[in-house]
């Protein structure tokens, strides 16, 4: 509780918190994958690298969403030991329930991994943030 005595200095209270490693469950997820899926991957001669946004289930009261990026970026955060897509741009789109919405029209080019590797990680002298800017163009649209 804050001190009611004028001029008294109150030291802040710090609480140590433990955080689970975000990748700790990946091994168990890999072990539980369907064996037919693994066989299919092993038998394929093509090296297909498909990235999908995380599956999100929203309540029915939310509008239908569309991604501003035509393809999910390979990464939006690049560190020495962590390369992932953390940033997304979504907008509501026209639907039977929503008369107004947005239609994706374009996106700015994303950084190539080779550009970042030259500097090892982000931020660096050429890239001042640890996140890549995700820039998209939308067009306002109307149902009907």
N, C-alpha and C. Protein backbone atom coordinates (compact mmCIF):
# COMPACT_ATOMS: atom_id res chain seq x y z
N UNK A 1 0.85 -1.19 0.00
CA UNK A 1 0.00 0.00 0.00
C UNK A 1 0.88 1.23 0.00
N UNK A 2 0.49 2.29 -0.72
CA UNK A 2 1.27 3.52 -0.75
C UNK A 2 1.34 4.14 0.64
N UNK A 3 2.44 4.82 0.89
CA UNK A 3 2.63 5.46 2.17
C UNK A 3 1.79 6.73 2.25
N UNK A 4 1.23 6.97 3.42
CA UNK A 4 0.45 8.19 3.61
C UNK A 4 1.28 9.26 4.32
N UNK A 5 2.55 8.96 4.59
CA UNK A 5 3.43 9.92 5.24
C UNK A 5 4.14 10.73 4.16
N UNK A 6 3.95 12.06 4.14
CA UNK A 6 4.58 12.88 3.11
C UNK A 6 6.10 12.75 3.15
N UNK A 7 6.71 12.60 1.98
CA UNK A 7 8.17 12.54 1.87
C UNK A 7 8.76 11.17 2.11
N UNK A 8 7.96 10.20 2.58
CA UNK A 8 8.50 8.85 2.82
C UNK A 8 8.68 8.14 1.47
N UNK A 9 9.84 7.52 1.31
CA UNK A 9 10.14 6.78 0.09
C UNK A 9 9.69 5.33 0.28
N UNK A 10 8.88 4.85 -0.65
CA UNK A 10 8.40 3.48 -0.59
C UNK A 10 9.11 2.68 -1.67
N UNK A 11 9.79 1.62 -1.26
CA UNK A 11 10.50 0.76 -2.21
C UNK A 11 9.49 -0.07 -3.00
N UNK A 12 9.70 -0.20 -4.30
CA UNK A 12 8.78 -1.03 -5.10
C UNK A 12 8.92 -2.49 -4.73
N UNK A 13 7.86 -3.22 -4.92
CA UNK A 13 7.86 -4.65 -4.63
C UNK A 13 8.09 -5.39 -5.94
N UNK A 14 9.11 -6.23 -5.97
CA UNK A 14 9.39 -7.01 -7.17
C UNK A 14 9.01 -8.46 -6.91
N UNK A 15 8.36 -9.05 -7.89
CA UNK A 15 7.95 -10.44 -7.77
C UNK A 15 8.65 -11.22 -8.88
N UNK A 16 9.42 -12.24 -8.48
CA UNK A 16 10.05 -13.10 -9.49
C UNK A 16 8.99 -14.02 -10.06
N UNK A 17 8.94 -14.09 -11.38
CA UNK A 17 7.99 -14.96 -12.04
C UNK A 17 8.75 -15.99 -12.84
N UNK A 18 8.20 -17.19 -12.92
CA UNK A 18 8.78 -18.22 -13.75
C UNK A 18 7.97 -18.34 -15.03
N UNK A 19 8.67 -18.42 -16.14
CA UNK A 19 8.02 -18.56 -17.42
C UNK A 19 8.46 -19.86 -18.07
N UNK A 20 7.52 -20.58 -18.62
CA UNK A 20 7.83 -21.83 -19.31
C UNK A 20 8.46 -21.51 -20.66
N UNK A 21 9.39 -22.33 -21.07
CA UNK A 21 10.01 -22.18 -22.38
C UNK A 21 8.94 -22.41 -23.45
N UNK A 22 8.82 -21.49 -24.39
CA UNK A 22 7.79 -21.57 -25.42
C UNK A 22 7.95 -22.80 -26.29
N UNK A 23 9.15 -23.35 -26.37
CA UNK A 23 9.39 -24.51 -27.22
C UNK A 23 9.35 -25.83 -26.44
N UNK A 24 9.07 -25.79 -25.15
CA UNK A 24 9.14 -27.00 -24.34
C UNK A 24 8.12 -28.05 -24.74
N UNK A 25 6.99 -27.64 -25.30
CA UNK A 25 5.96 -28.60 -25.68
C UNK A 25 6.13 -29.10 -27.11
N UNK A 26 7.07 -28.55 -27.87
CA UNK A 26 7.22 -28.95 -29.27
C UNK A 26 7.58 -30.41 -29.41
N UNK A 27 8.46 -30.92 -28.56
CA UNK A 27 8.86 -32.32 -28.67
C UNK A 27 7.68 -33.24 -28.47
N UNK A 28 6.83 -32.94 -27.49
CA UNK A 28 5.67 -33.79 -27.25
C UNK A 28 4.69 -33.70 -28.40
N UNK A 29 4.60 -32.54 -29.04
CA UNK A 29 3.72 -32.40 -30.20
C UNK A 29 4.24 -33.22 -31.38
N UNK A 30 5.56 -33.21 -31.57
CA UNK A 30 6.14 -33.98 -32.66
C UNK A 30 5.95 -35.47 -32.43
N UNK A 31 6.08 -35.94 -31.18
CA UNK A 31 5.91 -37.35 -30.88
C UNK A 31 4.49 -37.82 -31.13
N UNK A 32 3.51 -36.93 -30.96
CA UNK A 32 2.12 -37.34 -31.10
C UNK A 32 1.58 -37.16 -32.51
N UNK A 33 2.44 -36.75 -33.47
CA UNK A 33 1.96 -36.55 -34.83
C UNK A 33 1.59 -37.88 -35.48
N UNK A 34 0.71 -37.82 -36.45
CA UNK A 34 0.22 -38.99 -37.15
C UNK A 34 1.36 -39.61 -37.97
N UNK A 35 1.58 -40.92 -37.85
CA UNK A 35 2.69 -41.57 -38.54
C UNK A 35 2.52 -41.52 -40.04
N UNK A 36 1.28 -41.55 -40.55
CA UNK A 36 1.07 -41.48 -42.00
C UNK A 36 1.53 -40.14 -42.55
N UNK A 37 1.38 -39.09 -41.75
CA UNK A 37 1.85 -37.77 -42.16
C UNK A 37 3.36 -37.77 -42.28
N UNK A 38 4.04 -38.41 -41.34
CA UNK A 38 5.50 -38.50 -41.36
C UNK A 38 5.94 -39.29 -42.58
N UNK A 39 5.28 -40.42 -42.87
CA UNK A 39 5.62 -41.23 -44.03
C UNK A 39 5.46 -40.43 -45.31
N UNK A 40 4.40 -39.64 -45.39
CA UNK A 40 4.14 -38.84 -46.57
C UNK A 40 5.26 -37.82 -46.77
N UNK A 41 5.71 -37.19 -45.68
CA UNK A 41 6.78 -36.20 -45.77
C UNK A 41 8.08 -36.86 -46.22
N UNK A 42 8.37 -38.04 -45.67
CA UNK A 42 9.61 -38.71 -46.01
C UNK A 42 9.63 -39.19 -47.45
N UNK A 43 8.46 -39.58 -47.99
CA UNK A 43 8.42 -40.10 -49.34
C UNK A 43 8.38 -39.00 -50.39
N UNK A 44 8.13 -37.77 -49.98
CA UNK A 44 8.05 -36.65 -50.93
C UNK A 44 9.44 -36.22 -51.34
N UNK A 45 9.62 -36.01 -52.63
CA UNK A 45 10.91 -35.54 -53.13
C UNK A 45 10.99 -34.03 -53.17
N UNK A 46 9.85 -33.37 -52.99
CA UNK A 46 9.82 -31.92 -53.05
C UNK A 46 10.10 -31.34 -51.68
N UNK A 47 10.81 -30.22 -51.66
CA UNK A 47 11.07 -29.52 -50.41
C UNK A 47 10.12 -28.33 -50.35
N UNK A 48 8.96 -28.53 -49.77
CA UNK A 48 7.94 -27.49 -49.72
C UNK A 48 7.99 -26.83 -48.35
N UNK A 49 8.11 -25.51 -48.35
CA UNK A 49 8.20 -24.74 -47.11
C UNK A 49 6.96 -23.86 -47.02
N UNK A 50 5.91 -24.36 -46.40
CA UNK A 50 4.66 -23.63 -46.28
C UNK A 50 4.52 -23.13 -44.85
N UNK A 51 4.23 -21.85 -44.72
CA UNK A 51 4.04 -21.26 -43.40
C UNK A 51 2.58 -20.84 -43.29
N UNK A 52 1.94 -21.21 -42.20
CA UNK A 52 0.55 -20.84 -41.97
C UNK A 52 0.46 -20.02 -40.70
N UNK A 53 -0.47 -19.06 -40.65
CA UNK A 53 -0.64 -18.33 -39.40
C UNK A 53 -1.19 -19.27 -38.34
N UNK A 54 -1.01 -18.93 -37.08
CA UNK A 54 -1.53 -19.80 -36.03
C UNK A 54 -3.05 -19.92 -36.12
N UNK A 55 -3.55 -21.09 -35.77
CA UNK A 55 -5.01 -21.30 -35.79
C UNK A 55 -5.62 -20.54 -34.62
N UNK A 56 -6.55 -19.68 -34.94
CA UNK A 56 -7.22 -18.88 -33.91
C UNK A 56 -8.72 -19.09 -34.07
N UNK A 57 -9.37 -19.46 -32.99
CA UNK A 57 -10.81 -19.61 -33.04
C UNK A 57 -11.43 -18.47 -32.25
N UNK A 58 -12.13 -17.60 -32.96
CA UNK A 58 -12.75 -16.43 -32.35
C UNK A 58 -14.24 -16.68 -32.11
N UNK A 59 -14.81 -16.01 -31.13
CA UNK A 59 -16.26 -16.15 -30.91
C UNK A 59 -17.04 -15.70 -32.15
N UNK A 60 -18.24 -16.22 -32.31
CA UNK A 60 -19.05 -15.90 -33.48
C UNK A 60 -19.40 -14.42 -33.57
N UNK A 61 -19.28 -13.69 -32.47
CA UNK A 61 -19.58 -12.26 -32.49
C UNK A 61 -18.49 -11.45 -33.21
N UNK A 62 -17.32 -12.05 -33.43
CA UNK A 62 -16.24 -11.36 -34.14
C UNK A 62 -16.51 -11.37 -35.63
N UNK A 63 -16.05 -10.34 -36.34
CA UNK A 63 -16.21 -10.33 -37.80
C UNK A 63 -15.27 -11.35 -38.44
N UNK A 64 -15.55 -11.69 -39.69
CA UNK A 64 -14.64 -12.55 -40.46
C UNK A 64 -13.37 -11.74 -40.70
N UNK A 65 -12.22 -12.38 -40.61
CA UNK A 65 -10.95 -11.68 -40.77
C UNK A 65 -10.21 -12.15 -42.01
N UNK A 66 -9.44 -11.25 -42.59
CA UNK A 66 -8.55 -11.61 -43.70
C UNK A 66 -7.16 -11.10 -43.35
N UNK A 67 -6.16 -11.75 -43.90
CA UNK A 67 -4.78 -11.33 -43.68
C UNK A 67 -4.42 -10.26 -44.68
N UNK A 68 -3.65 -9.29 -44.25
CA UNK A 68 -3.18 -8.25 -45.15
C UNK A 68 -2.03 -8.72 -46.02
N UNK A 69 -1.38 -9.80 -45.61
CA UNK A 69 -0.27 -10.37 -46.38
C UNK A 69 -0.78 -11.53 -47.22
N UNK A 70 -0.43 -11.54 -48.49
CA UNK A 70 -0.84 -12.63 -49.35
C UNK A 70 -0.14 -13.92 -48.96
N UNK A 71 1.09 -13.81 -48.49
CA UNK A 71 1.84 -14.95 -47.94
C UNK A 71 2.35 -14.56 -46.57
N UNK A 72 2.28 -15.49 -45.62
CA UNK A 72 2.78 -15.23 -44.28
C UNK A 72 4.30 -15.07 -44.36
N UNK A 73 4.84 -14.00 -43.79
CA UNK A 73 6.30 -13.81 -43.83
C UNK A 73 7.03 -14.98 -43.16
N UNK A 74 8.22 -15.30 -43.65
CA UNK A 74 9.02 -16.39 -43.05
C UNK A 74 9.46 -16.02 -41.64
N UNK A 75 9.63 -14.71 -41.38
CA UNK A 75 9.97 -14.25 -40.04
C UNK A 75 9.63 -12.78 -39.92
N UNK A 76 9.31 -12.36 -38.70
CA UNK A 76 9.18 -10.93 -38.40
C UNK A 76 10.05 -10.59 -37.19
N UNK A 77 10.70 -11.59 -36.62
CA UNK A 77 11.62 -11.42 -35.52
C UNK A 77 12.81 -12.32 -35.79
N UNK A 78 14.02 -11.79 -35.71
CA UNK A 78 15.21 -12.57 -36.05
C UNK A 78 16.28 -12.32 -35.00
N UNK A 79 16.48 -13.31 -34.14
CA UNK A 79 17.51 -13.25 -33.11
C UNK A 79 18.47 -14.42 -33.33
N UNK A 80 19.53 -14.45 -32.57
CA UNK A 80 20.53 -15.50 -32.73
C UNK A 80 19.91 -16.88 -32.53
N UNK A 81 19.06 -17.01 -31.52
CA UNK A 81 18.49 -18.33 -31.21
C UNK A 81 16.96 -18.38 -31.38
N UNK A 82 16.39 -17.42 -32.11
CA UNK A 82 14.94 -17.38 -32.26
C UNK A 82 14.58 -16.68 -33.57
N UNK A 83 14.00 -17.41 -34.49
CA UNK A 83 13.55 -16.85 -35.77
C UNK A 83 12.10 -17.29 -35.97
N UNK A 84 11.17 -16.36 -35.87
CA UNK A 84 9.75 -16.71 -35.95
C UNK A 84 8.95 -15.56 -36.55
N UNK A 85 7.75 -15.89 -36.98
CA UNK A 85 6.78 -14.87 -37.40
C UNK A 85 5.91 -14.58 -36.19
N UNK A 86 6.02 -13.39 -35.66
CA UNK A 86 5.27 -12.98 -34.47
C UNK A 86 4.23 -11.91 -34.79
N UNK A 87 4.40 -11.24 -35.92
CA UNK A 87 3.56 -10.09 -36.24
C UNK A 87 2.69 -10.38 -37.46
N UNK A 88 1.43 -10.02 -37.34
CA UNK A 88 0.46 -10.26 -38.41
C UNK A 88 -0.39 -9.01 -38.56
N UNK A 89 -1.01 -8.83 -39.73
CA UNK A 89 -1.96 -7.74 -39.96
C UNK A 89 -3.26 -8.39 -40.41
N UNK A 90 -4.31 -8.20 -39.63
CA UNK A 90 -5.63 -8.73 -39.96
C UNK A 90 -6.61 -7.57 -40.07
N UNK A 91 -7.64 -7.77 -40.87
CA UNK A 91 -8.71 -6.77 -41.00
C UNK A 91 -10.03 -7.51 -41.16
N UNK A 92 -11.11 -6.85 -40.80
CA UNK A 92 -12.42 -7.47 -40.99
C UNK A 92 -12.79 -7.39 -42.46
N UNK A 93 -13.44 -8.44 -42.94
CA UNK A 93 -13.83 -8.45 -44.35
C UNK A 93 -15.34 -8.49 -44.48
N UNK A 94 -15.80 -8.16 -45.65
CA UNK A 94 -17.23 -8.18 -45.94
C UNK A 94 -17.72 -9.63 -45.83
N UNK A 95 -18.90 -9.80 -45.24
CA UNK A 95 -19.50 -11.13 -45.13
C UNK A 95 -21.02 -10.96 -45.13
N UNK A 96 -21.71 -12.04 -44.95
CA UNK A 96 -23.17 -11.95 -44.88
C UNK A 96 -23.60 -11.12 -43.68
N UNK A 97 -22.83 -11.18 -42.59
CA UNK A 97 -23.17 -10.43 -41.37
C UNK A 97 -22.62 -9.01 -41.38
N UNK A 98 -21.50 -8.80 -42.09
CA UNK A 98 -20.82 -7.51 -42.07
C UNK A 98 -20.97 -6.82 -43.43
N UNK A 99 -21.63 -5.68 -43.45
CA UNK A 99 -21.87 -4.97 -44.70
C UNK A 99 -20.60 -4.29 -45.21
N UNK A 100 -19.74 -3.83 -44.30
CA UNK A 100 -18.52 -3.13 -44.67
C UNK A 100 -17.32 -3.94 -44.23
N UNK A 101 -16.22 -3.77 -44.93
CA UNK A 101 -15.00 -4.48 -44.56
C UNK A 101 -13.83 -4.03 -45.41
N UNK A 102 -12.78 -4.81 -45.40
CA UNK A 102 -11.56 -4.49 -46.13
C UNK A 102 -11.18 -5.63 -47.05
N UNK A 103 -10.52 -5.27 -48.13
CA UNK A 103 -10.01 -6.23 -49.10
C UNK A 103 -8.51 -5.99 -49.21
N UNK A 104 -7.66 -7.00 -48.97
CA UNK A 104 -6.22 -6.77 -49.11
C UNK A 104 -5.85 -6.48 -50.56
N UNK A 105 -4.98 -5.50 -50.77
CA UNK A 105 -4.59 -5.09 -52.12
C UNK A 105 -3.10 -5.23 -52.40
N UNK A 106 -2.27 -5.18 -51.38
CA UNK A 106 -0.83 -5.28 -51.61
C UNK A 106 -0.07 -5.29 -50.31
N UNK A 107 1.20 -5.59 -50.42
CA UNK A 107 2.06 -5.62 -49.23
C UNK A 107 3.45 -5.15 -49.60
N UNK A 108 4.13 -4.57 -48.64
CA UNK A 108 5.52 -4.15 -48.85
C UNK A 108 6.40 -5.39 -48.88
N UNK A 109 7.48 -5.35 -49.63
CA UNK A 109 8.39 -6.51 -49.65
C UNK A 109 8.99 -6.74 -48.26
N UNK A 110 9.13 -7.99 -47.92
CA UNK A 110 9.72 -8.36 -46.63
C UNK A 110 11.23 -8.51 -46.79
N UNK A 111 11.94 -8.39 -45.67
CA UNK A 111 13.39 -8.61 -45.68
C UNK A 111 13.70 -10.04 -46.06
N UNK A 112 14.78 -10.21 -46.78
CA UNK A 112 15.28 -11.55 -47.09
C UNK A 112 16.19 -11.98 -45.95
N UNK A 113 16.17 -13.27 -45.65
CA UNK A 113 16.96 -13.79 -44.54
C UNK A 113 18.45 -13.49 -44.72
N UNK A 114 18.94 -13.54 -45.94
CA UNK A 114 20.36 -13.26 -46.19
C UNK A 114 20.76 -11.86 -45.74
N UNK A 115 19.84 -10.90 -45.88
CA UNK A 115 20.14 -9.53 -45.46
C UNK A 115 20.36 -9.45 -43.96
N UNK A 116 19.57 -10.20 -43.20
CA UNK A 116 19.69 -10.17 -41.75
C UNK A 116 20.91 -10.98 -41.31
N UNK A 117 21.15 -12.11 -41.96
CA UNK A 117 22.29 -12.96 -41.59
C UNK A 117 23.62 -12.22 -41.69
N UNK A 118 23.71 -11.27 -42.62
CA UNK A 118 24.95 -10.48 -42.74
C UNK A 118 25.27 -9.76 -41.43
N UNK A 119 24.23 -9.42 -40.67
CA UNK A 119 24.41 -8.72 -39.39
C UNK A 119 24.21 -9.65 -38.19
N UNK A 120 23.97 -10.91 -38.39
CA UNK A 120 23.76 -11.95 -37.40
C UNK A 120 22.33 -11.95 -36.87
N UNK A 121 21.82 -10.81 -36.44
CA UNK A 121 20.47 -10.76 -35.84
C UNK A 121 19.94 -9.34 -35.92
N UNK A 122 18.75 -9.16 -35.42
CA UNK A 122 18.13 -7.83 -35.33
C UNK A 122 17.91 -7.53 -33.85
N UNK A 123 18.00 -6.29 -33.42
CA UNK A 123 18.38 -5.09 -34.16
C UNK A 123 19.88 -5.09 -34.47
N UNK A 124 20.24 -4.23 -35.43
CA UNK A 124 21.63 -4.08 -35.85
C UNK A 124 21.79 -2.68 -36.45
N UNK A 125 22.96 -2.30 -36.89
CA UNK A 125 23.15 -0.93 -37.41
C UNK A 125 22.25 -0.58 -38.60
N UNK A 126 21.85 -1.56 -39.40
CA UNK A 126 21.00 -1.27 -40.57
C UNK A 126 19.52 -1.47 -40.27
N UNK A 127 19.19 -2.23 -39.23
CA UNK A 127 17.80 -2.53 -38.88
C UNK A 127 17.61 -2.23 -37.40
N UNK A 128 17.08 -1.06 -37.06
CA UNK A 128 17.06 -0.60 -35.68
C UNK A 128 16.04 -1.28 -34.77
N UNK A 129 15.19 -2.14 -35.29
CA UNK A 129 14.20 -2.81 -34.45
C UNK A 129 14.43 -4.31 -34.45
N UNK A 130 13.91 -4.99 -33.44
CA UNK A 130 14.01 -6.44 -33.43
C UNK A 130 12.82 -7.08 -34.15
N UNK A 131 11.93 -6.27 -34.70
CA UNK A 131 10.79 -6.76 -35.48
C UNK A 131 10.81 -6.12 -36.87
N UNK A 132 10.40 -6.89 -37.86
CA UNK A 132 10.26 -6.38 -39.22
C UNK A 132 8.91 -5.68 -39.32
N UNK A 133 8.87 -4.54 -39.96
CA UNK A 133 7.59 -3.85 -40.17
C UNK A 133 6.77 -4.64 -41.19
N UNK A 134 5.53 -4.95 -40.83
CA UNK A 134 4.61 -5.62 -41.74
C UNK A 134 3.67 -4.54 -42.26
N UNK A 135 3.80 -4.21 -43.56
CA UNK A 135 3.05 -3.11 -44.15
C UNK A 135 2.15 -3.66 -45.25
N UNK A 136 0.85 -3.36 -45.13
CA UNK A 136 -0.13 -3.87 -46.10
C UNK A 136 -1.06 -2.75 -46.54
N UNK A 137 -1.54 -2.87 -47.77
CA UNK A 137 -2.55 -1.95 -48.29
C UNK A 137 -3.89 -2.66 -48.33
N UNK A 138 -4.93 -1.96 -47.87
CA UNK A 138 -6.29 -2.49 -47.90
C UNK A 138 -7.18 -1.53 -48.67
N UNK A 139 -8.24 -2.06 -49.21
CA UNK A 139 -9.25 -1.24 -49.85
C UNK A 139 -10.56 -1.42 -49.08
N UNK A 140 -11.23 -0.31 -48.80
CA UNK A 140 -12.51 -0.34 -48.12
C UNK A 140 -13.53 -0.93 -49.08
N UNK A 141 -14.32 -1.89 -48.63
CA UNK A 141 -15.32 -2.48 -49.52
C UNK A 141 -16.67 -2.58 -48.82
N UNK A 142 -17.70 -2.70 -49.65
CA UNK A 142 -19.07 -2.73 -49.15
C UNK A 142 -19.80 -3.91 -49.79
N UNK A 143 -20.59 -4.60 -49.01
CA UNK A 143 -21.37 -5.73 -49.51
C UNK A 143 -22.51 -5.22 -50.40
N UNK A 144 -22.58 -5.73 -51.61
CA UNK A 144 -23.70 -5.41 -52.49
C UNK A 144 -23.53 -4.27 -53.33
